[in-house]
Protein backbone atom coordinates (compact mmCIF):
# COMPACT_ATOMS: atom_id res chain seq x y z
CA MET A 1 23.96 -8.55 -12.27
CA LEU A 2 23.18 -10.69 -9.24
CA TRP A 3 19.51 -11.44 -8.49
CA ILE A 4 18.59 -12.06 -4.84
CA GLN A 5 15.33 -13.81 -3.98
CA VAL A 6 13.92 -13.83 -0.44
CA LEU A 7 10.16 -13.81 -1.20
CA GLY A 8 10.08 -17.58 -0.97
CA PRO A 9 12.89 -20.14 -0.69
CA PRO A 10 15.96 -17.86 -0.60
CA HIS A 11 18.46 -18.12 -3.42
CA ILE A 12 20.82 -16.05 -5.51
CA GLN A 13 21.12 -16.16 -9.27
CA ARG A 14 23.90 -14.93 -11.50
CA ASP A 15 23.37 -15.47 -15.23
CA GLU A 16 22.00 -19.01 -15.50
CA ARG A 17 23.45 -20.27 -12.21
CA ARG A 18 20.96 -20.51 -9.34
CA VAL A 19 22.30 -21.20 -5.85
CA PRO A 20 20.02 -21.81 -2.84
CA VAL A 21 20.89 -20.21 0.50
CA SER A 22 20.32 -22.50 3.48
CA GLY A 23 20.84 -22.39 7.22
CA PRO A 24 18.69 -20.16 9.46
CA GLN A 25 21.43 -17.63 10.27
CA ARG A 26 22.57 -17.26 6.65
CA VAL A 27 18.95 -16.87 5.51
CA ALA A 28 18.39 -14.22 8.20
CA LEU A 29 21.60 -12.41 7.22
CA LEU A 30 20.69 -12.40 3.54
CA GLY A 31 17.13 -11.34 4.38
CA VAL A 32 17.99 -8.34 6.54
CA LEU A 33 20.64 -7.11 4.11
CA ALA A 34 18.22 -7.56 1.20
CA VAL A 35 15.35 -5.73 2.92
CA ARG A 36 17.70 -2.82 3.67
CA CYS A 37 19.71 -3.03 0.47
CA GLY A 38 22.13 -0.10 0.15
CA THR A 39 21.90 0.76 3.86
CA VAL A 40 24.46 -0.16 6.51
CA VAL A 41 23.03 -2.63 9.03
CA PRO A 42 24.89 -2.32 12.37
CA TYR A 43 26.40 -5.34 14.12
CA SER A 44 23.94 -5.01 17.00
CA GLU A 45 20.95 -5.34 14.67
CA LEU A 46 22.51 -8.24 12.81
CA VAL A 47 23.04 -10.07 16.11
CA ASP A 48 19.38 -9.51 17.02
CA GLU A 49 18.21 -10.74 13.62
CA LEU A 50 20.40 -13.84 13.59
CA TRP A 51 19.99 -15.02 17.19
CA GLY A 52 17.29 -12.98 18.90
CA GLU A 53 17.61 -13.12 22.68
CA ALA A 54 20.14 -15.98 22.70
CA PRO A 55 23.28 -14.72 20.90
CA PRO A 56 26.54 -16.68 21.05
CA GLY A 57 29.30 -15.56 23.40
CA ASP A 58 31.39 -13.89 20.70
CA ALA A 59 28.55 -12.55 18.56
CA PRO A 60 30.53 -10.04 16.41
CA ASN A 61 32.97 -12.75 15.30
CA ALA A 62 30.06 -15.10 14.67
CA VAL A 63 28.45 -12.44 12.44
CA ARG A 64 31.72 -12.03 10.53
CA ALA A 65 31.92 -15.80 10.02
CA HIS A 66 28.40 -15.91 8.55
CA VAL A 67 29.20 -12.92 6.32
CA CYS A 68 32.28 -14.75 5.06
CA ARG A 69 30.21 -17.85 4.24
CA LEU A 70 27.53 -15.78 2.52
CA ARG A 71 30.16 -13.93 0.48
CA SER A 72 31.49 -17.28 -0.72
CA ILE A 73 27.97 -18.17 -1.92
CA LEU A 74 27.54 -14.79 -3.61
CA ASP A 75 30.93 -15.26 -5.28
CA GLY A 76 31.63 -11.54 -5.28
CA ALA A 77 31.94 -8.35 -3.28
CA GLU A 78 28.22 -7.55 -3.03
CA ILE A 79 28.40 -7.47 0.80
CA VAL A 80 30.37 -4.35 1.70
CA SER A 81 32.09 -3.85 5.06
CA ALA A 82 31.27 -0.48 6.59
CA ALA A 83 31.85 1.28 9.88
CA GLY A 84 30.03 -0.78 12.49
CA GLY A 85 28.30 -3.19 10.15
CA TYR A 86 27.62 -4.37 6.60
CA ARG A 87 25.51 -3.35 3.62
CA LEU A 88 24.42 -4.99 0.40
CA ASP A 89 25.74 -3.08 -2.61
CA ALA A 90 22.63 -1.81 -4.42
CA ALA A 91 24.64 -1.16 -7.59
CA ALA A 92 25.82 -4.77 -7.82
CA CYS A 93 22.56 -6.66 -7.34
CA ARG A 94 18.79 -6.62 -7.74
CA VAL A 95 16.59 -7.73 -4.85
CA ASP A 96 13.07 -9.09 -5.26
CA VAL A 97 11.83 -7.16 -2.20
CA ALA A 98 12.93 -3.84 -3.70
CA VAL A 99 11.26 -4.66 -7.03
CA PHE A 100 8.08 -5.75 -5.24
CA GLU A 101 7.86 -2.59 -3.12
CA ARG A 102 8.44 -0.38 -6.17
CA LEU A 103 5.57 -2.17 -7.92
CA VAL A 104 3.34 -1.68 -4.85
CA THR A 105 3.88 2.08 -5.14
CA GLU A 106 3.19 2.02 -8.88
CA ILE A 107 0.01 -0.04 -8.38
CA ALA A 108 -1.32 2.54 -5.92
CA ALA A 109 -0.56 5.36 -8.37
CA ALA A 110 -2.20 3.50 -11.27
CA GLY A 111 -5.29 2.81 -9.16
CA ALA A 112 -5.56 6.46 -8.16
CA GLY A 113 -5.46 7.33 -11.86
CA HIS A 114 -8.14 4.73 -12.71
CA ALA A 115 -5.65 2.92 -14.97
CA PHE A 116 -7.13 -0.47 -14.14
CA ALA A 117 -5.43 -2.47 -16.90
CA GLU A 118 -2.10 -1.13 -15.64
CA VAL A 119 -3.02 -2.11 -12.07
CA ILE A 120 -3.68 -5.67 -13.22
CA ALA A 121 -0.43 -5.93 -15.21
CA LYS A 122 1.70 -4.56 -12.37
CA ALA A 123 -0.10 -6.68 -9.77
CA ASP A 124 0.56 -9.78 -11.87
CA ALA A 125 4.25 -8.86 -11.98
CA ALA A 126 4.38 -8.18 -8.24
CA LEU A 127 2.63 -11.42 -7.27
CA GLY A 128 4.83 -13.35 -9.68
CA LEU A 129 7.88 -12.44 -7.58
CA TRP A 130 6.55 -14.54 -4.69
CA THR A 131 7.37 -18.25 -4.55
CA GLY A 132 6.49 -18.79 -0.88
CA PRO A 133 6.52 -17.10 2.55
CA PRO A 134 9.36 -14.58 2.98
CA PHE A 135 12.31 -15.60 5.17
CA ALA A 136 10.54 -18.88 6.00
CA SER A 137 13.65 -20.66 7.31
CA ALA A 138 15.04 -17.67 9.22
CA PRO A 139 14.95 -17.71 13.04
CA GLU A 140 11.75 -16.46 14.66
CA ALA A 141 13.26 -13.04 15.33
CA SER A 142 12.31 -9.53 14.31
CA LEU A 143 13.01 -10.08 10.59
CA ARG A 144 10.08 -12.47 10.26
CA ARG A 145 7.94 -10.58 12.75
CA ARG A 146 8.38 -7.12 11.24
CA ALA A 147 9.52 -7.35 7.64
CA GLY A 148 7.73 -10.62 6.94
CA ILE A 149 4.39 -9.43 8.29
CA ARG A 150 4.72 -6.08 6.51
CA LEU A 151 5.46 -7.77 3.19
CA GLU A 152 2.56 -10.21 3.61
CA GLU A 153 0.24 -7.25 4.28
CA GLN A 154 1.51 -5.50 1.16
CA ARG A 155 0.95 -8.67 -0.84
CA ARG A 156 -2.68 -8.78 0.29
CA MET A 157 -3.07 -5.14 -0.72
CA VAL A 158 -1.79 -6.08 -4.18
CA VAL A 159 -4.24 -8.99 -4.44
CA THR A 160 -7.08 -6.69 -3.40
CA ALA A 161 -6.05 -4.06 -5.96
CA PHE A 162 -5.87 -6.77 -8.65
CA VAL A 163 -9.36 -8.01 -7.80
CA ARG A 164 -10.90 -4.54 -7.56
CA ALA A 165 -9.39 -3.59 -10.93
CA HIS A 166 -11.01 -6.65 -12.50
CA PHE A 167 -14.31 -5.65 -10.87
CA ARG A 168 -14.06 -2.21 -12.46
CA LEU A 169 -13.36 -3.77 -15.87
CA GLY A 170 -16.13 -6.34 -15.48
CA THR A 171 -13.71 -9.28 -15.82
CA PHE A 172 -14.94 -11.17 -12.78
CA GLU A 173 -13.67 -14.65 -13.72
CA GLN A 174 -10.02 -13.60 -13.37
CA ALA A 175 -10.83 -12.14 -9.96
CA VAL A 176 -12.59 -15.35 -8.89
CA ALA A 177 -9.66 -17.52 -10.01
CA ARG A 178 -7.13 -15.44 -8.06
CA LEU A 179 -9.30 -15.35 -4.93
CA ARG A 180 -9.88 -19.11 -4.98
CA GLU A 181 -6.11 -19.60 -5.16
CA GLU A 182 -5.50 -17.20 -2.27
CA LEU A 183 -8.19 -18.74 -0.07
CA ALA A 184 -6.90 -22.25 -0.75
CA ALA A 185 -3.62 -21.09 0.82
CA ASP A 186 -5.27 -19.05 3.61
CA PRO A 187 -8.89 -20.13 4.24
CA GLY A 188 -9.28 -17.68 7.11
CA TRP A 189 -8.68 -14.52 5.06
CA GLU A 190 -12.06 -12.88 5.62
CA ARG A 191 -11.38 -9.92 3.33
CA GLY A 192 -10.57 -12.33 0.51
CA CYS A 193 -13.69 -14.36 1.23
CA ALA A 194 -15.80 -11.18 1.11
CA LEU A 195 -14.34 -10.27 -2.28
CA LEU A 196 -14.98 -13.79 -3.59
CA ILE A 197 -18.58 -13.70 -2.37
CA GLU A 198 -19.09 -10.34 -4.07
CA ALA A 199 -17.52 -11.54 -7.34
CA LEU A 200 -19.64 -14.70 -7.40
CA ALA A 201 -22.84 -12.85 -6.51
CA ARG A 202 -22.24 -10.24 -9.18
CA THR A 203 -21.99 -13.00 -11.78
CA GLY A 204 -25.24 -14.66 -10.69
CA ARG A 205 -23.63 -17.48 -8.69
CA SER A 206 -25.30 -16.94 -5.33
CA ALA A 207 -25.14 -20.61 -4.35
CA GLU A 208 -21.36 -20.66 -4.87
CA ALA A 209 -21.07 -17.41 -2.91
CA GLN A 210 -22.88 -18.96 0.05
CA ASP A 211 -20.70 -22.08 -0.20
CA ALA A 212 -17.62 -19.83 0.04
CA TYR A 213 -19.10 -18.19 3.14
CA ARG A 214 -19.78 -21.56 4.78
CA ARG A 215 -16.23 -22.79 4.09
CA THR A 216 -14.69 -19.74 5.74
CA CYS A 217 -17.09 -19.99 8.69
CA SER A 218 -16.18 -23.65 9.15
CA TRP A 219 -12.46 -22.90 9.07
CA LEU A 220 -12.77 -20.05 11.57
CA ARG A 221 -14.87 -22.18 13.90
CA HIS A 222 -12.57 -25.22 13.81
CA GLN A 223 -9.24 -23.37 13.86
CA HIS A 224 -9.99 -20.45 16.18
CA GLN A 225 -13.45 -21.05 17.68
CA LEU A 226 -14.52 -17.71 16.19
CA PRO A 227 -17.57 -16.57 14.22
CA PRO A 228 -17.13 -14.65 10.96
CA GLY A 229 -16.80 -10.89 11.27
CA PRO A 230 -19.83 -8.58 11.02
CA ARG A 231 -18.94 -7.43 7.49
CA LEU A 232 -18.86 -11.00 6.19
CA GLN A 233 -22.14 -11.80 7.93
CA ARG A 234 -23.83 -8.75 6.40
CA LEU A 235 -22.53 -9.63 2.95
CA ASN A 236 -23.83 -13.20 3.22
CA LEU A 237 -27.22 -11.87 4.31
CA ALA A 238 -27.29 -9.55 1.29
CA VAL A 239 -26.53 -12.51 -0.99
CA SER A 240 -29.30 -14.61 0.56
CA ARG A 241 -31.74 -11.73 -0.01
CA HIS A 242 -30.51 -11.19 -3.60
CA GLN A 243 -29.52 -7.61 -2.77
CA ILE A 244 -26.22 -7.64 -4.72
CA VAL A 245 -26.67 -6.35 -8.24
CA GLU A 246 -25.13 -8.44 -11.00
CA GLY A 247 -22.53 -6.99 -13.37
């Protein structure tokens, strides 16, 4: 079965053969079909996704040309013509976005059932699907604005669930390692910084917790001329007063 990856540099894989997908329009086409796998995407939406507000003169034919090129990369009939548009055949391929979103649902259910080891295992699997920003080389149209932002928000929810599950199990070092990795990629993630401060403080590392606070403050000040949010300020004050209980 064909594997389609769009959570990072887009590519398709069949058996051992891995083929990258390049070109902004082809990436956008693969992305929108993958996100809505099994559903017909109308021509009008495909035109918007591929070109935004500046479509070519003969947009429907241009869409068909890109579909033809993408089909040649897929080397099969996974893209199905339908009345008014195209769909990706859900029975002929697996898509990383669909697997990720299924895991997000399962993580929420496991958390509600206090199955924290299961949360950690499923979160590891979900985060392992990501190899970079989704649809990174697609045009700056609604695919990246809507689907990309939504997926990034879901990814942060998964990271938070992973960290909180480790807190509940008392395995703080794994939480710290994940949070350091996330904050290295996005130093301005205040929620992540707050979780890191809490994890460090609860393991008796108040000085490291305050260093983490200062790094985020510095980044926010230099990048956006903003102070840290009230929650982060209160948490740092609690650390400085030794009000966070260890363990």
